[in-house]
């Protein structure tokens, strides 16, 4: 697989769709719907970060983007919920891309982050000695509770929201696979992996503040990937945060697209 934009961005974008559908099934009160060029994931909660709209295909004009945004806006308005929109810039034509921020601002949404979509054929060799970590799959109430708790600590998610999303057993019946990193019996790191479209996506990689910069996140990621991949030769994909970008570059990931994330005001 080529790692440049024409060859890589669709793999990243399609894996993101599969991963985000997790939030439409996790609580038991959500749904996933596609209409008029947009896929809409509703978590069943009034929490914008977990109510996610994504483009269902290429957008050929500013008018089409406005129509798509209107469809998503009505969907979430009917559910009285805040929401977010992940825009893959490679799906926008030049005009829609140039005016996208203006179109979103006029619809009451603001850009909250820019997330490079990244891909690597395989993880690079470690550049340092990594600490030992126990890689525990999310399979039971204890591990689900640990994943929820670390989500609160790592990403500032409200406790009630994290518990509603990550603690139900039904949340983990699909392609979203969670892992908790244990050190001396304490949970310090989490990561989720999603296999789709011949690639494995990396999501929710985080370490509690007191244990950061010690290599636990990288150690857990490597252990989880080894557990999931077995003998399969799959590229790895992700959408990077600003904080994680340097780590992912060191691990061999390269930019293949960019996502702008908008959130309702």
Protein backbone atom coordinates (compact mmCIF):
# COMPACT_ATOMS: atom_id res chain seq x y z
CA UNK A 1 0.00 0.00 0.00
CA UNK A 2 1.32 3.45 -0.88
CA UNK A 3 1.53 5.91 2.00
CA UNK A 4 0.91 9.09 0.00
CA UNK A 5 -2.38 10.99 0.01
CA UNK A 6 -4.00 9.44 -3.07
CA UNK A 7 -3.33 5.94 -1.79
CA UNK A 8 -3.77 6.32 1.93
CA UNK A 9 -6.45 8.75 2.98
CA UNK A 10 -9.44 6.54 2.13
CA UNK A 11 -8.09 3.76 4.34
CA UNK A 12 -7.80 6.19 7.25
CA UNK A 13 -11.20 7.78 6.64
CA UNK A 14 -13.09 4.49 6.24
CA UNK A 15 -11.58 3.07 9.42
CA UNK A 16 -12.67 6.20 11.29
CA UNK A 17 -16.28 5.61 10.21
CA UNK A 18 -16.22 2.10 11.63
CA UNK A 19 -14.65 3.28 14.88
CA UNK A 20 -17.12 6.13 15.40
CA UNK A 21 -20.09 3.78 15.02
CA UNK A 22 -19.04 2.40 18.40
CA UNK A 23 -20.68 5.44 20.02
CA UNK A 24 -23.96 4.72 18.24
CA UNK A 25 -24.23 1.28 19.85
CA UNK A 26 -22.43 1.65 23.18
CA UNK A 27 -25.15 3.06 25.43
CA UNK A 28 -28.08 1.14 23.95
CA UNK A 29 -29.91 4.43 23.33
CA UNK A 30 -28.05 5.59 20.22
CA UNK A 31 -28.33 5.12 16.48
CA UNK A 32 -26.40 5.42 13.23
CA UNK A 33 -28.01 6.87 10.12
CA UNK A 34 -26.79 7.88 6.65
CA UNK A 35 -28.67 10.39 4.49
CA UNK A 36 -27.89 13.04 1.89
CA UNK A 37 -24.14 12.47 1.90
CA UNK A 38 -23.56 12.38 5.65
CA UNK A 39 -23.24 9.60 8.22
CA UNK A 40 -24.62 10.58 11.62
CA UNK A 41 -23.72 8.76 14.83
CA UNK A 42 -25.84 9.53 17.90
CA UNK A 43 -24.71 8.22 21.27
CA UNK A 44 -28.00 8.78 23.07
CA UNK A 45 -26.26 11.40 25.26
CA UNK A 46 -26.18 15.18 25.06
CA UNK A 47 -22.42 15.21 24.68
CA UNK A 48 -21.15 16.71 21.44
CA UNK A 49 -17.86 14.85 21.21
CA UNK A 50 -19.67 11.49 21.10
CA UNK A 51 -22.35 12.59 18.60
CA UNK A 52 -20.37 12.53 15.39
CA UNK A 53 -21.17 13.38 11.79
CA UNK A 54 -18.84 12.31 8.94
CA UNK A 55 -18.94 12.78 5.20
CA UNK A 56 -20.34 9.72 3.44
CA UNK A 57 -18.53 10.53 0.19
CA UNK A 58 -16.84 13.28 -1.85
CA UNK A 59 -18.30 16.79 -1.76
CA UNK A 60 -18.27 18.55 -5.12
CA UNK A 61 -19.42 22.07 -4.21
CA UNK A 62 -19.99 24.57 -1.42
CA UNK A 63 -23.73 24.13 -1.91
CA UNK A 64 -23.44 20.38 -1.31
CA UNK A 65 -21.48 20.96 1.89
CA UNK A 66 -24.14 23.39 3.11
CA UNK A 67 -26.85 20.82 2.35
CA UNK A 68 -24.94 18.09 4.18
CA UNK A 69 -24.46 20.33 7.19
CA UNK A 70 -28.17 21.15 7.22
CA UNK A 71 -29.10 17.45 7.16
CA UNK A 72 -26.85 16.71 10.13
CA UNK A 73 -28.04 19.77 12.01
CA UNK A 74 -31.67 18.72 11.74
CA UNK A 75 -30.87 15.17 12.83
CA UNK A 76 -29.22 16.29 16.07
CA UNK A 77 -31.69 19.12 16.67
CA UNK A 78 -34.51 16.57 16.69
CA UNK A 79 -32.63 14.71 19.41
CA UNK A 80 -31.88 17.92 21.34
CA UNK A 81 -28.18 17.09 21.37
CA UNK A 82 -24.94 18.88 20.78
CA UNK A 83 -22.76 17.33 18.11
CA UNK A 84 -19.50 17.44 16.19
CA UNK A 85 -18.45 17.02 12.57
CA UNK A 86 -15.23 15.33 11.47
CA UNK A 87 -14.35 16.69 8.01
CA UNK A 88 -11.80 14.79 5.91
CA UNK A 89 -10.32 17.56 3.80
CA UNK A 90 -9.46 15.21 0.93
CA UNK A 91 -13.19 14.60 0.38
CA UNK A 92 -13.83 18.30 -0.31
CA UNK A 93 -13.39 19.95 -3.69
CA UNK A 94 -11.23 23.08 -3.73
CA UNK A 95 -14.13 25.51 -3.34
CA UNK A 96 -15.78 23.63 -0.48
CA UNK A 97 -12.43 23.27 1.26
CA UNK A 98 -11.59 26.93 0.87
CA UNK A 99 -14.90 28.09 2.35
CA UNK A 100 -15.59 25.25 4.79
CA UNK A 101 -14.72 27.17 7.95
CA UNK A 102 -17.02 30.02 6.92
CA UNK A 103 -19.85 27.58 6.13
CA UNK A 104 -19.52 25.89 9.53
CA UNK A 105 -19.26 29.19 11.39
CA UNK A 106 -22.46 30.42 9.76
CA UNK A 107 -24.15 27.21 10.96
CA UNK A 108 -23.12 27.81 14.57
CA UNK A 109 -20.14 25.46 14.69
CA UNK A 110 -16.53 26.22 15.59
CA UNK A 111 -13.32 24.40 14.75
CA UNK A 112 -11.89 22.78 17.88
CA UNK A 113 -9.01 20.76 16.47
CA UNK A 114 -7.05 19.70 13.41
CA UNK A 115 -6.22 16.02 13.45
CA UNK A 116 -3.69 14.66 10.94
CA UNK A 117 -4.81 11.32 9.50
CA UNK A 118 -1.76 9.07 9.65
CA UNK A 119 -0.73 5.66 8.33
CA UNK A 120 2.18 3.27 8.65
CA UNK A 121 2.81 -0.11 7.12
CA UNK A 122 4.30 -1.30 10.44
CA UNK A 123 5.50 0.17 13.72
CA UNK A 124 9.12 1.27 13.71
CA UNK A 125 11.49 -0.42 16.14
CA UNK A 126 11.56 1.12 19.63
CA UNK A 127 14.03 3.98 19.99
CA UNK A 128 14.40 3.39 23.74
CA UNK A 129 13.95 0.66 26.32
CA UNK A 130 10.26 0.49 27.17
CA UNK A 131 8.87 -0.33 30.62
CA UNK A 132 7.08 -3.57 31.32
CA UNK A 133 3.32 -3.39 31.15
CA UNK A 134 0.52 -5.93 31.37
CA UNK A 135 -1.83 -5.66 28.39
CA UNK A 136 -5.31 -6.59 29.61
CA UNK A 137 -8.19 -6.90 27.13
CA UNK A 138 -11.49 -5.21 27.99
CA UNK A 139 -13.59 -8.32 28.59
CA UNK A 140 -15.28 -8.03 31.98
CA UNK A 141 -16.89 -5.45 34.32
CA UNK A 142 -13.58 -4.66 36.03
CA UNK A 143 -11.72 -3.92 32.79
CA UNK A 144 -14.66 -1.96 31.37
CA UNK A 145 -14.76 0.18 34.52
CA UNK A 146 -10.99 0.72 34.30
CA UNK A 147 -11.26 1.81 30.67
CA UNK A 148 -14.04 4.26 31.59
CA UNK A 149 -12.08 5.63 34.53
CA UNK A 150 -8.92 6.18 32.54
CA UNK A 151 -10.92 7.88 29.79
CA UNK A 152 -11.97 10.43 32.42
CA UNK A 153 -8.37 10.95 33.58
CA UNK A 154 -6.73 10.95 30.17
CA UNK A 155 -9.21 12.95 28.12
CA UNK A 156 -11.26 15.00 30.61
CA UNK A 157 -14.49 13.21 29.73
CA UNK A 158 -17.26 13.66 32.34
CA UNK A 159 -17.53 10.65 34.63
CA UNK A 160 -21.22 9.99 33.91
CA UNK A 161 -20.61 10.13 30.15
CA UNK A 162 -17.59 7.82 30.28
CA UNK A 163 -19.44 5.27 32.39
CA UNK A 164 -22.52 5.35 30.13
CA UNK A 165 -20.40 4.73 27.04
CA UNK A 166 -17.66 2.35 28.16
CA UNK A 167 -19.11 0.27 30.99
CA UNK A 168 -22.00 -1.56 29.23
CA UNK A 169 -21.08 -5.07 28.08
CA UNK A 170 -22.95 -4.50 24.80
CA UNK A 171 -20.60 -1.65 23.91
CA UNK A 172 -17.77 -4.11 23.30
CA UNK A 173 -19.57 -6.63 21.08
CA UNK A 174 -18.48 -5.08 17.77
CA UNK A 175 -15.14 -4.29 16.15
CA UNK A 176 -14.01 -1.82 18.82
CA UNK A 177 -11.45 -3.65 20.99
CA UNK A 178 -10.16 -2.07 24.20
CA UNK A 179 -7.01 -2.69 26.21
CA UNK A 180 -5.92 -1.49 29.64
CA UNK A 181 -2.26 -1.25 30.59
CA UNK A 182 -1.54 -2.44 34.14
CA UNK A 183 1.61 -1.65 36.14
CA UNK A 184 2.01 -3.19 39.60
CA UNK A 185 -1.70 -3.90 39.68
CA UNK A 186 -2.75 -0.34 38.78
CA UNK A 187 -4.33 0.78 35.52
CA UNK A 188 -2.15 3.45 33.87
CA UNK A 189 -2.90 3.42 30.12
CA UNK A 190 -5.63 2.57 27.62
CA UNK A 191 -5.91 2.04 23.87
CA UNK A 192 -8.60 0.83 21.48
CA UNK A 193 -8.02 -0.95 18.17
CA UNK A 194 -10.46 -1.26 15.26
CA UNK A 195 -9.87 -3.64 12.37
CA UNK A 196 -11.59 -2.56 9.13
CA UNK A 197 -10.97 -2.30 5.39
CA UNK A 198 -7.66 -4.16 5.63
CA UNK A 199 -6.24 -1.81 8.26
CA UNK A 200 -6.09 -1.54 12.03
CA UNK A 201 -7.09 1.81 13.56
CA UNK A 202 -5.61 3.14 16.79
CA UNK A 203 -7.95 5.12 19.07
CA UNK A 204 -8.09 6.50 22.62
CA UNK A 205 -4.41 5.96 23.36
CA UNK A 206 -3.75 7.68 26.66
CA UNK A 207 -1.87 7.50 29.95
CA UNK A 208 -2.92 8.96 33.29
CA UNK A 209 -1.16 12.29 33.99
CA UNK A 210 1.00 10.97 36.85
CA UNK A 211 2.55 8.28 34.62
CA UNK A 212 3.13 10.16 31.38
CA UNK A 213 6.49 10.45 29.58
CA UNK A 214 7.63 7.06 30.88
CA UNK A 215 6.82 4.99 27.78
CA UNK A 216 3.71 3.25 29.06
CA UNK A 217 1.50 4.42 26.19
CA UNK A 218 3.92 3.16 23.56
CA UNK A 219 4.46 -0.10 25.44
CA UNK A 220 0.73 -0.74 25.65
CA UNK A 221 0.17 0.13 21.98
CA UNK A 222 2.86 -2.32 20.89
CA UNK A 223 1.49 -5.06 23.12
CA UNK A 224 -2.10 -4.52 21.98
CA UNK A 225 -1.15 -4.49 18.29
CA UNK A 226 0.84 -7.69 18.74
CA UNK A 227 -2.18 -9.30 20.40
CA UNK A 228 -4.60 -8.25 17.66
CA UNK A 229 -2.52 -8.59 14.53
CA UNK A 230 -1.33 -12.17 14.95
CA UNK A 231 0.12 -13.09 11.54
CA UNK A 232 -1.81 -10.50 9.53
CA UNK A 233 0.08 -7.89 7.54
CA UNK A 234 -2.07 -4.79 8.01
CA UNK A 235 -1.22 -1.09 7.94
CA UNK A 236 -1.99 0.92 11.06
CA UNK A 237 -4.00 4.15 10.86
CA UNK A 238 -5.01 6.87 13.29
CA UNK A 239 -6.04 10.49 13.73
CA UNK A 240 -3.43 12.25 15.83
CA UNK A 241 -3.86 14.75 18.62
CA UNK A 242 -1.34 17.54 18.94
CA UNK A 243 0.08 15.92 22.08
CA UNK A 244 0.57 12.54 20.40
CA UNK A 245 1.97 13.68 17.07
CA UNK A 246 5.67 13.42 17.89
CA UNK A 247 5.22 9.90 19.29
CA UNK A 248 3.36 8.72 16.21
CA UNK A 249 6.01 10.14 13.90
CA UNK A 250 8.66 8.30 15.90
CA UNK A 251 6.63 5.10 15.54
CA UNK A 252 6.71 5.42 11.76
CA UNK A 253 3.35 7.06 11.04
CA UNK A 254 3.17 9.59 8.20
CA UNK A 255 0.49 12.12 7.35
CA UNK A 256 -1.86 11.08 4.54
CA UNK A 257 -4.78 13.45 5.11
CA UNK A 258 -6.13 15.98 7.58
CA UNK A 259 -9.35 16.19 9.56
CA UNK A 260 -10.88 19.36 10.94
CA UNK A 261 -13.21 18.77 13.86
CA UNK A 262 -16.10 21.19 14.40
CA UNK A 263 -18.32 21.37 17.48
CA UNK A 264 -21.63 23.11 18.07
CA UNK A 265 -21.32 26.28 20.12
